[in-house]
């Protein structure tokens, strides 16, 4: 049998939510549920027309239910009448109305994504990191053969090995990303160190060490190893970057605007890097310097994304949340 929380237990819960960076966003809805005595379905089914903020009342006249309808569509949400006739009621006495007003309800034109977040999200994977990807896609085979001295056959084997490893690495990185939750969230921490690893990897991938000059096998192992690291780091920053957007907003229009902006930045950076790399290499002096420059751009974008993002909406079971 379920037991209701005592007042001291309620106070402990609210104090925990106030102090927790990870779960703080649950405090407004918990305030409404506890003070108005709402069931979960009654709280999640609230609409703005059910709320009277001036008088501090909530009209409880329906509940949101998710279950298997045993039809073609299977499980989905539906609106039902409350559990009993007595459940249809008007609740008054939500004392902390400022807290209650912070609850996010459907059809409310507030809580738009910050402009800084939109630009940092658009220029992270699709900015400096995309310029690196475009340069590698367009010129790496030329660089590896003409500068490093790897034959076309050797390079083909290297790329095959890296592609096979990438197929194994992607699901492994996905599991690792989903299994770890820190005080900063599940996805955001990846934005802090992966672009730095990217810069270090670009430095070594586009280096041609003199001590390997007389060793064809050494050149192949060097190139294969750092190219493999590149594929891993791309996965490590791409998955969290894709996941942070739905964790930031439930508004499909907002998501589409950010994705459209990102697509535009992606097209621009890919065009610049794939078209003008020869001129840019001449300007910077080497591929290595150019790639480090792109990496610095990526670091700024990813760190900005870390600063401006917040994991507000993460499914239960994904983060160990409430």
C-alpha atoms as a PDB file:
ATOM      1  CA  UNK A   1       0.000   0.000   0.000  1.00  0.00           C
ATOM      2  CA  UNK A   2       1.343   3.413  -0.944  1.00  0.00           C
ATOM      3  CA  UNK A   3       1.878   5.914   1.851  1.00  0.00           C
ATOM      4  CA  UNK A   4       1.502   9.664   1.519  1.00  0.00           C
ATOM      5  CA  UNK A   5       4.522  11.791   2.301  1.00  0.00           C
ATOM      6  CA  UNK A   6       4.447  13.389   5.729  1.00  0.00           C
ATOM      7  CA  UNK A   7       5.005  17.144   5.973  1.00  0.00           C
ATOM      8  CA  UNK A   8       8.633  16.686   7.119  1.00  0.00           C
ATOM      9  CA  UNK A   9       9.211  14.333   4.181  1.00  0.00           C
ATOM     10  CA  UNK A  10       7.683  16.864   1.799  1.00  0.00           C
ATOM     11  CA  UNK A  11       9.957  19.554   3.215  1.00  0.00           C
ATOM     12  CA  UNK A  12      13.011  17.311   2.714  1.00  0.00           C
ATOM     13  CA  UNK A  13      11.978  16.624  -0.890  1.00  0.00           C
ATOM     14  CA  UNK A  14      11.510  20.306  -1.727  1.00  0.00           C
ATOM     15  CA  UNK A  15      14.796  21.203  -0.044  1.00  0.00           C
ATOM     16  CA  UNK A  16      16.579  18.555  -2.119  1.00  0.00           C
ATOM     17  CA  UNK A  17      15.007  19.839  -5.357  1.00  0.00           C
ATOM     18  CA  UNK A  18      16.007  23.411  -4.494  1.00  0.00           C
ATOM     19  CA  UNK A  19      19.652  22.476  -4.053  1.00  0.00           C
ATOM     20  CA  UNK A  20      20.025  19.927  -6.861  1.00  0.00           C
ATOM     21  CA  UNK A  21      21.285  21.268 -10.168  1.00  0.00           C
ATOM     22  CA  UNK A  22      20.219  18.079 -11.944  1.00  0.00           C
ATOM     23  CA  UNK A  23      16.657  17.864 -10.574  1.00  0.00           C
ATOM     24  CA  UNK A  24      15.892  21.520  -9.797  1.00  0.00           C
ATOM     25  CA  UNK A  25      13.558  21.837 -12.779  1.00  0.00           C
ATOM     26  CA  UNK A  26      11.137  19.405 -11.098  1.00  0.00           C
ATOM     27  CA  UNK A  27      10.476  21.773  -8.175  1.00  0.00           C
ATOM     28  CA  UNK A  28       7.665  23.844  -9.788  1.00  0.00           C
ATOM     29  CA  UNK A  29       5.522  20.859 -10.771  1.00  0.00           C
ATOM     30  CA  UNK A  30       6.186  19.159  -7.427  1.00  0.00           C
ATOM     31  CA  UNK A  31       5.050  22.352  -5.675  1.00  0.00           C
ATOM     32  CA  UNK A  32       1.756  22.239  -7.560  1.00  0.00           C
ATOM     33  CA  UNK A  33       1.236  18.511  -6.982  1.00  0.00           C
ATOM     34  CA  UNK A  34       1.980  18.623  -3.255  1.00  0.00           C
ATOM     35  CA  UNK A  35       0.132  21.809  -2.360  1.00  0.00           C
ATOM     36  CA  UNK A  36      -2.885  21.169  -4.594  1.00  0.00           C
ATOM     37  CA  UNK A  37      -3.002  17.429  -3.927  1.00  0.00           C
ATOM     38  CA  UNK A  38      -2.870  16.402  -7.590  1.00  0.00           C
ATOM     39  CA  UNK A  39      -2.252  12.936  -8.963  1.00  0.00           C
ATOM     40  CA  UNK A  40       0.426  12.592 -11.650  1.00  0.00           C
ATOM     41  CA  UNK A  41      -2.139  12.265 -14.469  1.00  0.00           C
ATOM     42  CA  UNK A  42      -4.056  15.279 -13.188  1.00  0.00           C
ATOM     43  CA  UNK A  43      -0.891  17.389 -13.062  1.00  0.00           C
ATOM     44  CA  UNK A  44       0.425  16.357 -16.484  1.00  0.00           C
ATOM     45  CA  UNK A  45      -3.001  16.926 -18.026  1.00  0.00           C
ATOM     46  CA  UNK A  46      -3.281  20.553 -16.869  1.00  0.00           C
ATOM     47  CA  UNK A  47      -3.936  23.253 -19.460  1.00  0.00           C
ATOM     48  CA  UNK A  48      -3.612  26.993 -19.013  1.00  0.00           C
ATOM     49  CA  UNK A  49      -7.382  27.380 -19.133  1.00  0.00           C
ATOM     50  CA  UNK A  50      -7.516  25.209 -15.989  1.00  0.00           C
ATOM     51  CA  UNK A  51      -5.346  27.672 -14.059  1.00  0.00           C
ATOM     52  CA  UNK A  52      -6.451  30.868 -12.329  1.00  0.00           C
ATOM     53  CA  UNK A  53      -3.208  32.523 -11.279  1.00  0.00           C
ATOM     54  CA  UNK A  54      -4.920  35.590  -9.806  1.00  0.00           C
ATOM     55  CA  UNK A  55      -7.050  33.601  -7.374  1.00  0.00           C
ATOM     56  CA  UNK A  56      -4.582  30.751  -6.963  1.00  0.00           C
ATOM     57  CA  UNK A  57      -6.993  28.005  -8.040  1.00  0.00           C
ATOM     58  CA  UNK A  58      -6.709  24.927 -10.236  1.00  0.00           C
ATOM     59  CA  UNK A  59      -9.741  23.368 -11.918  1.00  0.00           C
ATOM     60  CA  UNK A  60      -9.236  19.582 -11.955  1.00  0.00           C
ATOM     61  CA  UNK A  61     -11.640  18.166 -14.552  1.00  0.00           C
ATOM     62  CA  UNK A  62      -9.632  15.581 -16.511  1.00  0.00           C
ATOM     63  CA  UNK A  63      -6.512  13.426 -16.369  1.00  0.00           C
ATOM     64  CA  UNK A  64      -3.841  12.459 -18.903  1.00  0.00           C
ATOM     65  CA  UNK A  65      -3.402   8.688 -19.244  1.00  0.00           C
ATOM     66  CA  UNK A  66      -0.881   6.628 -21.213  1.00  0.00           C
ATOM     67  CA  UNK A  67      -1.767   2.987 -21.814  1.00  0.00           C
ATOM     68  CA  UNK A  68      -2.069   0.242 -24.429  1.00  0.00           C
ATOM     69  CA  UNK A  69      -5.312   0.771 -26.348  1.00  0.00           C
ATOM     70  CA  UNK A  70      -4.916  -2.622 -28.029  1.00  0.00           C
ATOM     71  CA  UNK A  71      -5.456  -1.171 -31.476  1.00  0.00           C
ATOM     72  CA  UNK A  72      -3.208  -0.441 -34.461  1.00  0.00           C
ATOM     73  CA  UNK A  73      -1.498   2.491 -32.713  1.00  0.00           C
ATOM     74  CA  UNK A  74      -0.781   0.593 -29.491  1.00  0.00           C
ATOM     75  CA  UNK A  75       0.249   2.780 -26.539  1.00  0.00           C
ATOM     76  CA  UNK A  76      -0.521   6.492 -26.604  1.00  0.00           C
ATOM     77  CA  UNK A  77      -1.840   9.329 -24.449  1.00  0.00           C
ATOM     78  CA  UNK A  78      -5.541  10.049 -24.052  1.00  0.00           C
ATOM     79  CA  UNK A  79      -7.633  12.406 -21.947  1.00  0.00           C
ATOM     80  CA  UNK A  80      -9.945  10.747 -19.433  1.00  0.00           C
ATOM     81  CA  UNK A  81     -12.320  11.966 -16.791  1.00  0.00           C
ATOM     82  CA  UNK A  82     -10.826  11.913 -13.273  1.00  0.00           C
ATOM     83  CA  UNK A  83     -10.655   8.711 -11.289  1.00  0.00           C
ATOM     84  CA  UNK A  84     -13.987   9.324  -9.486  1.00  0.00           C
ATOM     85  CA  UNK A  85     -16.756  11.961  -9.574  1.00  0.00           C
ATOM     86  CA  UNK A  86     -15.379  13.404  -6.361  1.00  0.00           C
ATOM     87  CA  UNK A  87     -12.059  13.908  -8.156  1.00  0.00           C
ATOM     88  CA  UNK A  88     -13.639  16.660 -10.263  1.00  0.00           C
ATOM     89  CA  UNK A  89     -12.787  19.629  -8.076  1.00  0.00           C
ATOM     90  CA  UNK A  90     -11.369  23.110  -7.879  1.00  0.00           C
ATOM     91  CA  UNK A  91      -8.266  23.209  -5.756  1.00  0.00           C
ATOM     92  CA  UNK A  92      -7.254  26.340  -3.903  1.00  0.00           C
ATOM     93  CA  UNK A  93      -4.349  27.028  -1.628  1.00  0.00           C
ATOM     94  CA  UNK A  94      -1.178  26.827  -3.723  1.00  0.00           C
ATOM     95  CA  UNK A  95       0.776  29.148  -1.464  1.00  0.00           C
ATOM     96  CA  UNK A  96       3.922  29.445  -3.538  1.00  0.00           C
ATOM     97  CA  UNK A  97       2.314  30.842  -6.686  1.00  0.00           C
ATOM     98  CA  UNK A  98       5.621  32.204  -7.999  1.00  0.00           C
ATOM     99  CA  UNK A  99       6.895  28.631  -7.982  1.00  0.00           C
ATOM    100  CA  UNK A 100       3.676  27.346  -9.512  1.00  0.00           C
ATOM    101  CA  UNK A 101       3.857  29.880 -12.340  1.00  0.00           C
ATOM    102  CA  UNK A 102       7.163  28.324 -13.399  1.00  0.00           C
ATOM    103  CA  UNK A 103       5.422  25.088 -14.410  1.00  0.00           C
ATOM    104  CA  UNK A 104       5.702  24.462 -18.155  1.00  0.00           C
ATOM    105  CA  UNK A 105       2.291  23.753 -19.629  1.00  0.00           C
ATOM    106  CA  UNK A 106       1.344  23.178 -23.293  1.00  0.00           C
ATOM    107  CA  UNK A 107       0.476  26.070 -25.604  1.00  0.00           C
ATOM    108  CA  UNK A 108       2.444  28.638 -23.629  1.00  0.00           C
ATOM    109  CA  UNK A 109       4.617  30.923 -25.740  1.00  0.00           C
ATOM    110  CA  UNK A 110       7.443  31.267 -23.249  1.00  0.00           C
ATOM    111  CA  UNK A 111      10.616  29.405 -22.433  1.00  0.00           C
ATOM    112  CA  UNK A 112      12.075  29.877 -25.910  1.00  0.00           C
ATOM    113  CA  UNK A 113      15.583  28.657 -26.471  1.00  0.00           C
ATOM    114  CA  UNK A 114      18.295  31.250 -25.819  1.00  0.00           C
ATOM    115  CA  UNK A 115      19.805  32.728 -28.964  1.00  0.00           C
ATOM    116  CA  UNK A 116      23.305  31.891 -27.735  1.00  0.00           C
ATOM    117  CA  UNK A 117      22.348  28.219 -27.366  1.00  0.00           C
ATOM    118  CA  UNK A 118      20.954  28.143 -30.908  1.00  0.00           C
ATOM    119  CA  UNK A 119      24.186  29.492 -32.392  1.00  0.00           C
ATOM    120  CA  UNK A 120      26.512  27.368 -30.274  1.00  0.00           C
ATOM    121  CA  UNK A 121      24.471  24.259 -31.121  1.00  0.00           C
ATOM    122  CA  UNK A 122      24.552  25.149 -34.817  1.00  0.00           C
ATOM    123  CA  UNK A 123      28.301  25.852 -34.865  1.00  0.00           C
ATOM    124  CA  UNK A 124      29.497  22.957 -32.686  1.00  0.00           C
ATOM    125  CA  UNK A 125      29.291  19.836 -34.838  1.00  0.00           C
ATOM    126  CA  UNK A 126      28.527  21.916 -37.928  1.00  0.00           C
ATOM    127  CA  UNK A 127      31.177  24.606 -37.455  1.00  0.00           C
ATOM    128  CA  UNK A 128      34.885  23.988 -36.941  1.00  0.00           C
ATOM    129  CA  UNK A 129      34.301  20.248 -36.566  1.00  0.00           C
ATOM    130  CA  UNK A 130      32.507  20.168 -39.925  1.00  0.00           C
ATOM    131  CA  UNK A 131      35.349  22.096 -41.566  1.00  0.00           C
ATOM    132  CA  UNK A 132      37.724  19.395 -40.322  1.00  0.00           C
ATOM    133  CA  UNK A 133      35.417  16.659 -41.634  1.00  0.00           C
ATOM    134  CA  UNK A 134      35.162  18.363 -45.034  1.00  0.00           C
ATOM    135  CA  UNK A 135      38.918  18.780 -45.305  1.00  0.00           C
ATOM    136  CA  UNK A 136      39.532  15.140 -44.409  1.00  0.00           C
ATOM    137  CA  UNK A 137      36.858  13.953 -46.838  1.00  0.00           C
ATOM    138  CA  UNK A 138      38.282  16.022 -49.690  1.00  0.00           C
ATOM    139  CA  UNK A 139      42.031  16.102 -49.128  1.00  0.00           C
ATOM    140  CA  UNK A 140      43.180  13.482 -46.616  1.00  0.00           C
ATOM    141  CA  UNK A 141      43.909  10.803 -49.216  1.00  0.00           C
ATOM    142  CA  UNK A 142      46.026  13.306 -51.172  1.00  0.00           C
ATOM    143  CA  UNK A 143      47.867  14.394 -48.007  1.00  0.00           C
ATOM    144  CA  UNK A 144      48.494  10.801 -46.873  1.00  0.00           C
ATOM    145  CA  UNK A 145      49.950   9.761 -50.225  1.00  0.00           C
ATOM    146  CA  UNK A 146      51.876  12.881 -51.227  1.00  0.00           C
ATOM    147  CA  UNK A 147      53.097  14.110 -47.832  1.00  0.00           C
ATOM    148  CA  UNK A 148      53.259  11.014 -45.601  1.00  0.00           C
ATOM    149  CA  UNK A 149      54.207   8.619 -48.411  1.00  0.00           C
ATOM    150  CA  UNK A 150      51.513   5.975 -47.929  1.00  0.00           C
ATOM    151  CA  UNK A 151      50.499   4.085 -51.064  1.00  0.00           C
ATOM    152  CA  UNK A 152      46.915   3.989 -52.311  1.00  0.00           C
ATOM    153  CA  UNK A 153      46.649   0.276 -51.477  1.00  0.00           C
ATOM    154  CA  UNK A 154      47.931   0.824 -47.932  1.00  0.00           C
ATOM    155  CA  UNK A 155      45.540   3.733 -47.434  1.00  0.00           C
ATOM    156  CA  UNK A 156      42.615   1.627 -48.641  1.00  0.00           C
ATOM    157  CA  UNK A 157      43.393  -1.012 -46.003  1.00  0.00           C
ATOM    158  CA  UNK A 158      43.729   1.677 -43.308  1.00  0.00           C
ATOM    159  CA  UNK A 159      40.348   3.193 -44.170  1.00  0.00           C
ATOM    160  CA  UNK A 160      38.730  -0.258 -44.264  1.00  0.00           C
ATOM    161  CA  UNK A 161      40.055  -1.083 -40.778  1.00  0.00           C
ATOM    162  CA  UNK A 162      38.890   2.280 -39.425  1.00  0.00           C
ATOM    163  CA  UNK A 163      35.427   1.899 -40.961  1.00  0.00           C
ATOM    164  CA  UNK A 164      35.035  -1.562 -39.424  1.00  0.00           C
ATOM    165  CA  UNK A 165      36.086  -0.217 -36.045  1.00  0.00           C
ATOM    166  CA  UNK A 166      33.697   2.727 -36.458  1.00  0.00           C
ATOM    167  CA  UNK A 167      30.788   0.302 -36.879  1.00  0.00           C
ATOM    168  CA  UNK A 168      31.766  -1.314 -33.575  1.00  0.00           C
ATOM    169  CA  UNK A 169      32.634   1.938 -31.839  1.00  0.00           C
ATOM    170  CA  UNK A 170      29.343   3.786 -32.501  1.00  0.00           C
ATOM    171  CA  UNK A 171      27.051   1.569 -30.390  1.00  0.00           C
ATOM    172  CA  UNK A 172      29.728   1.298 -27.685  1.00  0.00           C
ATOM    173  CA  UNK A 173      29.965   5.075 -27.443  1.00  0.00           C
ATOM    174  CA  UNK A 174      26.170   5.305 -27.357  1.00  0.00           C
ATOM    175  CA  UNK A 175      26.005   2.926 -24.395  1.00  0.00           C
ATOM    176  CA  UNK A 176      28.803   4.803 -22.610  1.00  0.00           C
ATOM    177  CA  UNK A 177      27.102   8.150 -23.184  1.00  0.00           C
ATOM    178  CA  UNK A 178      23.769   6.892 -21.846  1.00  0.00           C
ATOM    179  CA  UNK A 179      25.200   5.061 -18.832  1.00  0.00           C
ATOM    180  CA  UNK A 180      27.029   7.947 -17.174  1.00  0.00           C
ATOM    181  CA  UNK A 181      25.314  10.830 -15.388  1.00  0.00           C
ATOM    182  CA  UNK A 182      27.289  13.556 -13.610  1.00  0.00           C
ATOM    183  CA  UNK A 183      26.357  16.632 -11.598  1.00  0.00           C
ATOM    184  CA  UNK A 184      26.398  18.529 -14.916  1.00  0.00           C
ATOM    185  CA  UNK A 185      24.066  16.052 -16.586  1.00  0.00           C
ATOM    186  CA  UNK A 186      24.382  13.170 -18.998  1.00  0.00           C
ATOM    187  CA  UNK A 187      25.305  14.920 -22.254  1.00  0.00           C
ATOM    188  CA  UNK A 188      26.876  18.275 -21.373  1.00  0.00           C
ATOM    189  CA  UNK A 189      30.185  16.989 -19.927  1.00  0.00           C
ATOM    190  CA  UNK A 190      31.147  15.554 -23.315  1.00  0.00           C
ATOM    191  CA  UNK A 191      31.253  19.076 -24.735  1.00  0.00           C
ATOM    192  CA  UNK A 192      34.102  20.046 -22.415  1.00  0.00           C
ATOM    193  CA  UNK A 193      36.865  17.611 -23.355  1.00  0.00           C
ATOM    194  CA  UNK A 194      36.012  16.066 -26.747  1.00  0.00           C
ATOM    195  CA  UNK A 195      36.976  19.175 -28.797  1.00  0.00           C
ATOM    196  CA  UNK A 196      40.328  19.274 -26.974  1.00  0.00           C
ATOM    197  CA  UNK A 197      40.907  15.623 -27.875  1.00  0.00           C
ATOM    198  CA  UNK A 198      39.953  16.567 -31.445  1.00  0.00           C
ATOM    199  CA  UNK A 199      42.619  19.285 -31.556  1.00  0.00           C
ATOM    200  CA  UNK A 200      45.309  16.966 -30.182  1.00  0.00           C
ATOM    201  CA  UNK A 201      44.323  14.274 -32.664  1.00  0.00           C
ATOM    202  CA  UNK A 202      44.476  16.711 -35.598  1.00  0.00           C
ATOM    203  CA  UNK A 203      47.959  17.768 -34.530  1.00  0.00           C
ATOM    204  CA  UNK A 204      49.251  14.201 -34.654  1.00  0.00           C
ATOM    205  CA  UNK A 205      47.161  12.990 -37.623  1.00  0.00           C
ATOM    206  CA  UNK A 206      48.543  15.760 -39.806  1.00  0.00           C
ATOM    207  CA  UNK A 207      52.099  15.394 -38.538  1.00  0.00           C
ATOM    208  CA  UNK A 208      54.736  13.519 -40.512  1.00  0.00           C
ATOM    209  CA  UNK A 209      57.322  12.439 -37.931  1.00  0.00           C
ATOM    210  CA  UNK A 210      60.854  12.203 -39.236  1.00  0.00           C
ATOM    211  CA  UNK A 211      61.547   9.089 -37.155  1.00  0.00           C
ATOM    212  CA  UNK A 212      59.042   7.200 -39.338  1.00  0.00           C
ATOM    213  CA  UNK A 213      60.609   8.283 -42.630  1.00  0.00           C
ATOM    214  CA  UNK A 214      62.295   4.910 -43.214  1.00  0.00           C
ATOM    215  CA  UNK A 215      59.437   2.774 -41.911  1.00  0.00           C
ATOM    216  CA  UNK A 216      56.458   2.241 -44.241  1.00  0.00           C
ATOM    217  CA  UNK A 217      54.774   0.035 -41.632  1.00  0.00           C
ATOM    218  CA  UNK A 218      55.328   2.698 -38.981  1.00  0.00           C
ATOM    219  CA  UNK A 219      53.684   5.312 -41.183  1.00  0.00           C
ATOM    220  CA  UNK A 220      50.685   3.050 -41.726  1.00  0.00           C
ATOM    221  CA  UNK A 221      50.295   2.299 -38.013  1.00  0.00           C
ATOM    222  CA  UNK A 222      50.668   5.995 -37.111  1.00  0.00           C
ATOM    223  CA  UNK A 223      48.065   7.095 -39.635  1.00  0.00           C
ATOM    224  CA  UNK A 224      45.669   4.250 -38.839  1.00  0.00           C
ATOM    225  CA  UNK A 225      45.845   4.881 -35.102  1.00  0.00           C
ATOM    226  CA  UNK A 226      45.175   8.615 -35.218  1.00  0.00           C
ATOM    227  CA  UNK A 227      42.510   8.260 -37.903  1.00  0.00           C
ATOM    228  CA  UNK A 228      40.773   5.702 -35.683  1.00  0.00           C
ATOM    229  CA  UNK A 229      40.888   8.144 -32.757  1.00  0.00           C
ATOM    230  CA  UNK A 230      39.333  10.773 -35.007  1.00  0.00           C
ATOM    231  CA  UNK A 231      36.362   8.518 -35.760  1.00  0.00           C
ATOM    232  CA  UNK A 232      35.882   7.834 -32.050  1.00  0.00           C
ATOM    233  CA  UNK A 233      35.976  11.484 -31.016  1.00  0.00           C
ATOM    234  CA  UNK A 234      33.508  12.435 -33.756  1.00  0.00           C
ATOM    235  CA  UNK A 235      31.058   9.905 -32.325  1.00  0.00           C
ATOM    236  CA  UNK A 236      31.788  11.129 -28.789  1.00  0.00           C
ATOM    237  CA  UNK A 237      30.756  14.716 -29.514  1.00  0.00           C
ATOM    238  CA  UNK A 238      28.052  14.086 -32.125  1.00  0.00           C
ATOM    239  CA  UNK A 239      25.778  11.842 -30.040  1.00  0.00           C
ATOM    240  CA  UNK A 240      25.516  14.232 -27.053  1.00  0.00           C
ATOM    241  CA  UNK A 241      25.103  17.213 -29.382  1.00  0.00           C
ATOM    242  CA  UNK A 242      22.133  15.528 -31.044  1.00  0.00           C
ATOM    243  CA  UNK A 243      20.662  14.516 -27.681  1.00  0.00           C
ATOM    244  CA  UNK A 244      20.945  17.911 -25.966  1.00  0.00           C
ATOM    245  CA  UNK A 245      18.383  19.607 -28.227  1.00  0.00           C
ATOM    246  CA  UNK A 246      15.358  17.464 -27.236  1.00  0.00           C
ATOM    247  CA  UNK A 247      16.632  17.681 -23.653  1.00  0.00           C
ATOM    248  CA  UNK A 248      16.432  21.474 -23.897  1.00  0.00           C
ATOM    249  CA  UNK A 249      12.962  21.925 -25.402  1.00  0.00           C
ATOM    250  CA  UNK A 250       9.807  19.979 -26.181  1.00  0.00           C
ATOM    251  CA  UNK A 251       8.751  22.542 -28.800  1.00  0.00           C
ATOM    252  CA  UNK A 252       9.038  21.004 -32.281  1.00  0.00           C
ATOM    253  CA  UNK A 253       9.132  24.449 -33.917  1.00  0.00           C
ATOM    254  CA  UNK A 254      12.061  25.490 -31.740  1.00  0.00           C
ATOM    255  CA  UNK A 255      13.898  22.269 -32.548  1.00  0.00           C
ATOM    256  CA  UNK A 256      13.325  22.701 -36.268  1.00  0.00           C
ATOM    257  CA  UNK A 257      14.656  26.271 -36.166  1.00  0.00           C
ATOM    258  CA  UNK A 258      17.859  25.115 -34.493  1.00  0.00           C
ATOM    259  CA  UNK A 259      18.271  22.205 -36.907  1.00  0.00           C
ATOM    260  CA  UNK A 260      17.685  24.496 -39.886  1.00  0.00           C
ATOM    261  CA  UNK A 261      20.291  26.938 -38.591  1.00  0.00           C
ATOM    262  CA  UNK A 262      22.709  24.055 -38.109  1.00  0.00           C
ATOM    263  CA  UNK A 263      22.093  22.811 -41.645  1.00  0.00           C
ATOM    264  CA  UNK A 264      22.882  26.254 -43.020  1.00  0.00           C
ATOM    265  CA  UNK A 265      26.126  26.485 -41.029  1.00  0.00           C
ATOM    266  CA  UNK A 266      27.023  22.945 -42.113  1.00  0.00           C
ATOM    267  CA  UNK A 267      26.564  23.774 -45.806  1.00  0.00           C
ATOM    268  CA  UNK A 268      28.617  26.952 -45.462  1.00  0.00           C
ATOM    269  CA  UNK A 269      31.525  25.343 -43.592  1.00  0.00           C
ATOM    270  CA  UNK A 270      31.634  22.285 -45.838  1.00  0.00           C
ATOM    271  CA  UNK A 271      31.692  24.488 -48.927  1.00  0.00           C
ATOM    272  CA  UNK A 272      34.465  26.722 -47.597  1.00  0.00           C
ATOM    273  CA  UNK A 273      36.649  23.849 -46.375  1.00  0.00           C
ATOM    274  CA  UNK A 274      36.222  21.615 -49.416  1.00  0.00           C
ATOM    275  CA  UNK A 275      36.605  24.447 -51.944  1.00  0.00           C
ATOM    276  CA  UNK A 276      39.321  26.656 -50.490  1.00  0.00           C
ATOM    277  CA  UNK A 277      41.490  24.222 -48.509  1.00  0.00           C
ATOM    278  CA  UNK A 278      44.420  24.589 -50.919  1.00  0.00           C
ATOM    279  CA  UNK A 279      44.431  28.367 -50.485  1.00  0.00           C
ATOM    280  CA  UNK A 280      43.899  28.079 -46.721  1.00  0.00           C
ATOM    281  CA  UNK A 281      46.775  25.621 -46.355  1.00  0.00           C
ATOM    282  CA  UNK A 282      49.010  28.035 -48.254  1.00  0.00           C
ATOM    283  CA  UNK A 283      47.909  30.852 -45.941  1.00  0.00           C
ATOM    284  CA  UNK A 284      48.378  28.902 -42.680  1.00  0.00           C
ATOM    285  CA  UNK A 285      51.526  27.136 -43.856  1.00  0.00           C
ATOM    286  CA  UNK A 286      50.423  23.523 -43.366  1.00  0.00           C
ATOM    287  CA  UNK A 287      47.432  21.236 -43.021  1.00  0.00           C
ATOM    288  CA  UNK A 288      48.301  20.738 -39.362  1.00  0.00           C
ATOM    289  CA  UNK A 289      48.094  24.438 -38.526  1.00  0.00           C
ATOM    290  CA  UNK A 290      44.836  24.783 -40.453  1.00  0.00           C
ATOM    291  CA  UNK A 291      43.259  21.842 -38.654  1.00  0.00           C
ATOM    292  CA  UNK A 292      44.326  23.185 -35.269  1.00  0.00           C
ATOM    293  CA  UNK A 293      42.715  26.510 -36.215  1.00  0.00           C
ATOM    294  CA  UNK A 294      39.458  24.712 -37.032  1.00  0.00           C
ATOM    295  CA  UNK A 295      39.767  22.829 -33.728  1.00  0.00           C
ATOM    296  CA  UNK A 296      40.012  26.069 -31.745  1.00  0.00           C
ATOM    297  CA  UNK A 297      36.787  27.193 -33.408  1.00  0.00           C
ATOM    298  CA  UNK A 298      35.223  23.875 -32.389  1.00  0.00           C
ATOM    299  CA  UNK A 299      36.409  24.269 -28.780  1.00  0.00           C
ATOM    300  CA  UNK A 300      34.787  27.707 -28.513  1.00  0.00           C
ATOM    301  CA  UNK A 301      31.508  26.402 -29.933  1.00  0.00           C
ATOM    302  CA  UNK A 302      31.342  23.275 -27.768  1.00  0.00           C
ATOM    303  CA  UNK A 303      32.294  25.128 -24.595  1.00  0.00           C
ATOM    304  CA  UNK A 304      29.642  27.718 -25.399  1.00  0.00           C
ATOM    305  CA  UNK A 305      27.139  24.886 -25.883  1.00  0.00           C
ATOM    306  CA  UNK A 306      28.083  23.488 -22.471  1.00  0.00           C
ATOM    307  CA  UNK A 307      27.592  26.913 -20.873  1.00  0.00           C
ATOM    308  CA  UNK A 308      24.221  27.697 -22.472  1.00  0.00           C
ATOM    309  CA  UNK A 309      22.582  24.248 -22.386  1.00  0.00           C
ATOM    310  CA  UNK A 310      20.526  22.580 -19.675  1.00  0.00           C
ATOM    311  CA  UNK A 311      19.134  19.060 -19.558  1.00  0.00           C
ATOM    312  CA  UNK A 312      15.536  19.894 -18.688  1.00  0.00           C
ATOM    313  CA  UNK A 313      13.727  16.978 -20.286  1.00  0.00           C
ATOM    314  CA  UNK A 314      15.341  13.579 -19.880  1.00  0.00           C
ATOM    315  CA  UNK A 315      13.192  10.448 -19.893  1.00  0.00           C
ATOM    316  CA  UNK A 316      12.860   8.456 -16.694  1.00  0.00           C
ATOM    317  CA  UNK A 317      15.277   5.560 -16.767  1.00  0.00           C
ATOM    318  CA  UNK A 318      17.724   7.499 -18.923  1.00  0.00           C
ATOM    319  CA  UNK A 319      19.167   9.600 -16.151  1.00  0.00           C
ATOM    320  CA  UNK A 320      17.925   8.028 -12.984  1.00  0.00           C
ATOM    321  CA  UNK A 321      15.616  11.001 -12.537  1.00  0.00           C
ATOM    322  CA  UNK A 322      12.262  11.198 -10.833  1.00  0.00           C
END
